[in-house]
Amino acid sequence: MVDNCSCDICNNGVETEDHIVSGLELCESFLGASRLASSHSHIPRRGLTTMLLLCFWQLWKHRHDDVVSRGEQPSLRRLMTACKTECLRI
């Protein structure tokens, strides 16, 4: 149950799916750093879908576990490290 609908990362705006995926500076930096928004012609489509899902799962976990639960500052470096670790497992 949620008491407050404001975004825990930026404290601006209502935390919706659209806000989390495209309205956060962390997410924009994440997309740019990971190049998820660009073409990955060298990765098979099935692998790309899995990679995207794993990376967005890591984004959610970073937000929920690190920022909300532990009160840590959002960190693109930690998020990217977690994504690379998960993607190497597939």
C-alpha atoms as a PDB file:
ATOM      1  CA  MET A   1       0.000   0.000   0.000  1.00  0.00           C
ATOM      2  CA  VAL A   2       1.324   3.396  -0.985  1.00  0.00           C
ATOM      3  CA  ASP A   3       0.830   6.496   1.174  1.00  0.00           C
ATOM      4  CA  ASN A   4       2.362   8.933  -1.263  1.00  0.00           C
ATOM      5  CA  CYS A   5       2.325   8.939  -5.079  1.00  0.00           C
ATOM      6  CA  SER A   6       5.276  11.286  -5.534  1.00  0.00           C
ATOM      7  CA  CYS A   7       8.458   9.967  -7.114  1.00  0.00           C
ATOM      8  CA  ASP A   8      10.981   8.819  -4.504  1.00  0.00           C
ATOM      9  CA  ILE A   9      13.922   9.526  -6.784  1.00  0.00           C
ATOM     10  CA  CYS A  10      13.271  13.083  -7.947  1.00  0.00           C
ATOM     11  CA  ASN A  11      10.457  14.170  -5.596  1.00  0.00           C
ATOM     12  CA  ASN A  12       8.860  15.878  -8.598  1.00  0.00           C
ATOM     13  CA  GLY A  13       5.684  14.629 -10.117  1.00  0.00           C
ATOM     14  CA  VAL A  14       3.549  11.589  -9.639  1.00  0.00           C
ATOM     15  CA  GLU A  15       5.296   8.238  -9.898  1.00  0.00           C
ATOM     16  CA  THR A  16       3.721   6.629 -12.945  1.00  0.00           C
ATOM     17  CA  GLU A  17       5.163   4.096 -15.370  1.00  0.00           C
ATOM     18  CA  ASP A  18       5.777   6.860 -17.909  1.00  0.00           C
ATOM     19  CA  HIS A  19       7.509   9.043 -15.340  1.00  0.00           C
ATOM     20  CA  ILE A  20       9.827   6.253 -14.205  1.00  0.00           C
ATOM     21  CA  VAL A  21      10.746   5.181 -17.746  1.00  0.00           C
ATOM     22  CA  SER A  22      11.024   8.568 -19.439  1.00  0.00           C
ATOM     23  CA  GLY A  23      10.630  11.374 -16.924  1.00  0.00           C
ATOM     24  CA  LEU A  24      13.634  10.806 -14.708  1.00  0.00           C
ATOM     25  CA  GLU A  25      17.114  12.168 -15.287  1.00  0.00           C
ATOM     26  CA  LEU A  26      18.502   8.865 -13.946  1.00  0.00           C
ATOM     27  CA  CYS A  27      16.529   6.907 -16.533  1.00  0.00           C
ATOM     28  CA  GLU A  28      17.541   9.219 -19.372  1.00  0.00           C
ATOM     29  CA  SER A  29      21.188   8.867 -18.328  1.00  0.00           C
ATOM     30  CA  PHE A  30      20.711   5.113 -18.021  1.00  0.00           C
ATOM     31  CA  LEU A  31      19.246   4.841 -21.523  1.00  0.00           C
ATOM     32  CA  GLY A  32      22.020   6.985 -22.960  1.00  0.00           C
ATOM     33  CA  ALA A  33      24.811   5.154 -21.156  1.00  0.00           C
ATOM     34  CA  SER A  34      23.475   1.723 -22.032  1.00  0.00           C
ATOM     35  CA  ARG A  35      22.474   2.725 -25.561  1.00  0.00           C
ATOM     36  CA  LEU A  36      19.198   0.837 -25.035  1.00  0.00           C
ATOM     37  CA  ALA A  37      17.394   3.412 -27.123  1.00  0.00           C
ATOM     38  CA  SER A  38      19.612   2.794 -30.175  1.00  0.00           C
ATOM     39  CA  SER A  39      19.860  -0.112 -32.582  1.00  0.00           C
ATOM     40  CA  HIS A  40      21.671  -3.251 -31.463  1.00  0.00           C
ATOM     41  CA  SER A  41      21.965  -5.050 -34.802  1.00  0.00           C
ATOM     42  CA  HIS A  42      24.704  -7.367 -33.455  1.00  0.00           C
ATOM     43  CA  ILE A  43      22.431  -8.767 -30.714  1.00  0.00           C
ATOM     44  CA  PRO A  44      19.793 -11.332 -31.750  1.00  0.00           C
ATOM     45  CA  ARG A  45      16.254  -9.994 -31.241  1.00  0.00           C
ATOM     46  CA  ARG A  46      15.515 -12.626 -28.585  1.00  0.00           C
ATOM     47  CA  GLY A  47      18.658 -11.643 -26.701  1.00  0.00           C
ATOM     48  CA  LEU A  48      17.881  -7.934 -26.990  1.00  0.00           C
ATOM     49  CA  THR A  49      14.422  -8.402 -25.505  1.00  0.00           C
ATOM     50  CA  THR A  50      15.912 -10.323 -22.580  1.00  0.00           C
ATOM     51  CA  MET A  51      18.612  -7.685 -22.108  1.00  0.00           C
ATOM     52  CA  LEU A  52      16.042  -4.869 -22.091  1.00  0.00           C
ATOM     53  CA  LEU A  53      13.867  -6.652 -19.549  1.00  0.00           C
ATOM     54  CA  LEU A  54      16.850  -7.369 -17.286  1.00  0.00           C
ATOM     55  CA  CYS A  55      18.014  -3.758 -17.457  1.00  0.00           C
ATOM     56  CA  PHE A  56      14.597  -2.321 -16.663  1.00  0.00           C
ATOM     57  CA  TRP A  57      14.275  -4.857 -13.832  1.00  0.00           C
ATOM     58  CA  GLN A  58      17.586  -3.548 -12.474  1.00  0.00           C
ATOM     59  CA  LEU A  59      16.304   0.021 -12.805  1.00  0.00           C
ATOM     60  CA  TRP A  60      13.233  -0.896 -10.734  1.00  0.00           C
ATOM     61  CA  LYS A  61      15.342  -2.763  -8.152  1.00  0.00           C
ATOM     62  CA  HIS A  62      17.742   0.172  -7.863  1.00  0.00           C
ATOM     63  CA  ARG A  63      14.838   2.521  -7.297  1.00  0.00           C
ATOM     64  CA  HIS A  64      13.023   0.268  -4.848  1.00  0.00           C
ATOM     65  CA  ASP A  65      15.842  -1.428  -2.943  1.00  0.00           C
ATOM     66  CA  ASP A  66      18.612   1.175  -2.943  1.00  0.00           C
ATOM     67  CA  VAL A  67      16.798   4.507  -3.091  1.00  0.00           C
ATOM     68  CA  VAL A  68      13.479   3.863  -1.369  1.00  0.00           C
ATOM     69  CA  SER A  69      14.304   1.086   1.107  1.00  0.00           C
ATOM     70  CA  ARG A  70      17.895   1.997   2.000  1.00  0.00           C
ATOM     71  CA  GLY A  71      17.689   5.762   1.463  1.00  0.00           C
ATOM     72  CA  GLU A  72      20.727   5.792  -0.846  1.00  0.00           C
ATOM     73  CA  GLN A  73      21.242   8.376  -3.563  1.00  0.00           C
ATOM     74  CA  PRO A  74      20.438   7.229  -7.121  1.00  0.00           C
ATOM     75  CA  SER A  75      23.633   6.096  -8.843  1.00  0.00           C
ATOM     76  CA  LEU A  76      24.005   5.519 -12.566  1.00  0.00           C
ATOM     77  CA  ARG A  77      27.315   3.730 -11.934  1.00  0.00           C
ATOM     78  CA  ARG A  78      25.744   1.195  -9.539  1.00  0.00           C
ATOM     79  CA  LEU A  79      22.788   0.722 -11.871  1.00  0.00           C
ATOM     80  CA  MET A  80      25.015   0.073 -14.900  1.00  0.00           C
ATOM     81  CA  THR A  81      27.178  -2.363 -12.926  1.00  0.00           C
ATOM     82  CA  ALA A  82      24.084  -4.311 -11.854  1.00  0.00           C
ATOM     83  CA  CYS A  83      22.831  -4.422 -15.476  1.00  0.00           C
ATOM     84  CA  LYS A  84      26.168  -5.660 -16.815  1.00  0.00           C
ATOM     85  CA  THR A  85      26.340  -8.334 -14.124  1.00  0.00           C
ATOM     86  CA  GLU A  86      22.817  -9.571 -14.899  1.00  0.00           C
ATOM     87  CA  CYS A  87      23.312  -9.497 -18.682  1.00  0.00           C
ATOM     88  CA  LEU A  88      26.515 -11.526 -18.401  1.00  0.00           C
ATOM     89  CA  ARG A  89      24.534 -14.254 -16.654  1.00  0.00           C
ATOM     90  CA  ILE A  90      22.350 -14.897 -19.712  1.00  0.00           C
END
